[in-house]
Amino acid sequence: AAEAISKVDPLDGHNARATIYSRKEDHDLAEKEYIEMAKLNDRYLITLATFYQGRQEYDKAFTTFEESWAKIEENYAALYQIGKTSALSGERTDRGIESLTLYMQEGRAQNLPSHAAAKSRLGMIYEKMGQTTKAKSLYQEALKNDPEMSIASDGLKRIRKKSD
């Protein structure tokens, strides 16, 4: 089926194969398909970077999100994801803070994470840096904006456990 799709639309064919390989947990072949998609259209750099992020290949994720940010004007999804990658990995914290701060200053397009989500990710970064007071404040701000923000409520629970 993926080959038939490729004849009609090469991008969709790569995407179909990447999905199949991912489900089969053949990550090397899935990565190759995502790379081919990104070569055909820069917008798919973010798909490739998200693949790396999900695999906890944070160096590749950072590099690819940064490339996406550089190539596509006002690509706030990539900017948010740079911050999220920092929050998940505890790496490149200065860049993560800078990215999420800029993301919140510039506003956001529809269908992108909320400012509450960005504040939650900032809280995660500060928590990993050992700055629990700052992290707690950000988690609380996020919950004021979105009482259902589980990233923030989970963060507050972790901080409370550490201080008990």
Protein backbone atom coordinates (compact mmCIF):
# COMPACT_ATOMS: atom_id res chain seq x y z
CA ALA A 1 0.00 0.00 0.00
CA ALA A 2 2.84 2.40 0.85
CA GLU A 3 4.33 1.86 -2.61
CA ALA A 4 1.02 2.70 -4.28
CA ILE A 5 0.78 5.83 -2.17
CA SER A 6 4.34 6.79 -3.19
CA LYS A 7 3.38 6.75 -6.85
CA VAL A 8 0.69 9.34 -6.18
CA ASP A 9 2.58 11.40 -3.59
CA PRO A 10 6.19 10.63 -2.57
CA LEU A 11 5.83 12.50 0.74
CA ASP A 12 2.78 10.50 1.72
CA GLY A 13 4.59 7.31 0.69
CA HIS A 14 7.54 8.09 2.97
CA ASN A 15 5.12 8.94 5.75
CA ALA A 16 3.23 5.66 5.29
CA ARG A 17 6.47 3.66 5.37
CA ALA A 18 7.72 5.59 8.40
CA THR A 19 4.48 4.80 10.21
CA ILE A 20 4.71 1.11 9.30
CA TYR A 21 8.36 0.87 10.39
CA SER A 22 7.64 2.74 13.63
CA ARG A 23 4.82 0.35 14.49
CA LYS A 24 7.15 -2.57 13.79
CA GLU A 25 9.75 -0.80 15.98
CA ASP A 26 12.23 -0.79 13.11
CA HIS A 27 13.54 2.60 14.11
CA ASP A 28 16.45 2.70 11.67
CA LEU A 29 14.18 2.32 8.66
CA ALA A 30 11.61 4.72 10.13
CA GLU A 31 14.36 7.31 10.61
CA LYS A 32 15.42 6.94 6.97
CA GLU A 33 11.86 7.62 5.82
CA TYR A 34 11.55 10.68 8.06
CA ILE A 35 14.87 11.98 6.72
CA GLU A 36 13.62 11.56 3.15
CA MET A 37 10.44 13.46 4.03
CA ALA A 38 12.49 16.33 5.47
CA LYS A 39 14.63 16.41 2.31
CA LEU A 40 11.49 16.84 0.20
CA ASN A 41 9.93 19.53 2.41
CA ASP A 42 11.50 21.50 5.29
CA ARG A 43 8.19 21.40 7.16
CA TYR A 44 8.89 17.74 7.90
CA LEU A 45 12.05 18.58 9.84
CA ILE A 46 9.82 18.95 12.86
CA THR A 47 8.43 15.45 12.28
CA LEU A 48 11.95 14.04 12.15
CA ALA A 49 12.95 15.99 15.26
CA THR A 50 9.87 14.78 17.15
CA PHE A 51 10.82 11.22 16.19
CA TYR A 52 14.25 11.79 17.74
CA GLN A 53 12.72 13.39 20.81
CA GLY A 54 10.44 10.39 21.32
CA ARG A 55 13.45 8.08 21.04
CA GLN A 56 15.32 10.20 23.61
CA GLU A 57 17.97 11.00 21.00
CA TYR A 58 18.14 14.51 22.36
CA ASP A 59 21.24 15.75 20.50
CA LYS A 60 19.65 14.85 17.17
CA ALA A 61 16.34 16.35 18.30
CA PHE A 62 17.95 19.65 19.32
CA THR A 63 19.90 19.87 16.06
CA THR A 64 16.87 19.12 13.90
CA PHE A 65 14.49 21.44 15.79
CA GLU A 66 17.10 24.22 15.52
CA GLU A 67 17.40 23.57 11.78
CA SER A 68 13.62 23.76 11.45
CA TRP A 69 13.55 27.03 13.44
CA ALA A 70 16.26 28.51 11.22
CA LYS A 71 14.69 27.47 7.91
CA ILE A 72 11.02 28.25 8.48
CA GLU A 73 10.00 31.77 9.42
CA GLU A 74 7.97 32.10 12.62
CA ASN A 75 8.10 28.38 13.27
CA TYR A 76 6.87 28.55 16.84
CA ALA A 77 6.27 24.81 16.98
CA ALA A 78 10.02 24.25 16.62
CA LEU A 79 10.75 26.94 19.20
CA TYR A 80 8.42 25.29 21.72
CA GLN A 81 9.91 21.86 20.97
CA ILE A 82 13.46 23.11 21.60
CA GLY A 83 12.27 24.09 25.07
CA LYS A 84 10.40 20.83 25.55
CA THR A 85 13.49 18.83 24.57
CA SER A 86 15.46 20.76 27.18
CA ALA A 87 12.76 20.07 29.77
CA LEU A 88 12.72 16.34 29.00
CA SER A 89 16.48 15.92 28.82
CA GLY A 90 17.74 18.46 31.35
CA GLU A 91 20.26 19.50 28.67
CA ARG A 92 20.90 22.88 27.01
CA THR A 93 18.87 24.55 29.75
CA ASP A 94 19.87 28.10 28.78
CA ARG A 95 18.59 27.52 25.25
CA GLY A 96 15.46 25.84 26.57
CA ILE A 97 14.64 28.79 28.81
CA GLU A 98 15.38 31.25 25.99
CA SER A 99 13.18 29.31 23.53
CA LEU A 100 10.17 28.98 25.82
CA THR A 101 10.42 32.61 26.94
CA LEU A 102 10.48 33.79 23.32
CA TYR A 103 7.63 31.41 22.48
CA MET A 104 5.47 33.03 25.16
CA GLN A 105 6.49 36.59 24.19
CA GLU A 106 5.73 36.13 20.50
CA GLY A 107 2.33 34.66 21.04
CA ARG A 108 1.41 31.46 19.33
CA ALA A 109 -0.51 30.21 16.37
CA GLN A 110 -3.58 28.06 16.68
CA ASN A 111 -3.03 24.35 17.27
CA LEU A 112 0.21 24.93 19.16
CA PRO A 113 0.82 24.28 22.86
CA SER A 114 -0.63 26.84 25.25
CA HIS A 115 1.33 29.27 27.37
CA ALA A 116 0.38 27.08 30.34
CA ALA A 117 2.18 24.20 28.63
CA ALA A 118 5.22 26.42 27.99
CA LYS A 119 5.26 27.53 31.64
CA SER A 120 5.04 23.88 32.68
CA ARG A 121 8.03 23.00 30.49
CA LEU A 122 9.94 25.97 31.92
CA GLY A 123 9.10 24.65 35.37
CA MET A 124 10.54 21.27 34.39
CA ILE A 125 13.78 22.91 33.27
CA TYR A 126 14.16 24.86 36.51
CA GLU A 127 13.26 21.76 38.52
CA LYS A 128 16.02 19.79 36.79
CA MET A 129 18.39 22.67 37.49
CA GLY A 130 17.56 22.36 41.20
CA GLN A 131 15.75 25.72 41.29
CA THR A 132 12.62 24.36 42.94
CA THR A 133 11.23 27.73 44.09
CA LYS A 134 11.24 29.02 40.50
CA ALA A 135 9.87 25.69 39.23
CA LYS A 136 7.07 25.70 41.80
CA SER A 137 6.09 29.25 40.84
CA LEU A 138 5.94 28.36 37.13
CA TYR A 139 3.90 25.22 37.81
CA GLN A 140 1.45 27.28 39.88
CA GLU A 141 1.17 29.92 37.14
CA ALA A 142 0.51 27.20 34.59
CA LEU A 143 -2.27 25.75 36.74
CA LYS A 144 -3.87 29.19 37.10
CA ASN A 145 -4.01 29.37 33.29
CA ASP A 146 -5.08 25.75 32.88
CA PRO A 147 -6.21 23.84 35.99
CA GLU A 148 -6.07 20.58 34.00
CA MET A 149 -2.36 20.94 33.09
CA SER A 150 -1.07 17.58 34.32
CA ILE A 151 2.57 18.46 33.55
CA ALA A 152 2.31 21.25 36.14
CA SER A 153 0.37 19.29 38.76
CA ASP A 154 2.79 16.36 38.42
CA GLY A 155 5.71 18.77 38.79
CA LEU A 156 4.26 20.22 42.00
CA LYS A 157 3.82 16.68 43.38
CA ARG A 158 7.48 15.88 42.63
CA ILE A 159 8.63 19.06 44.35
CA ARG A 160 6.47 18.34 47.41
CA LYS A 161 7.86 14.79 47.62
CA LYS A 162 11.44 16.08 47.50
CA SER A 163 10.77 18.60 50.29
CA ASP A 164 9.09 16.03 52.60
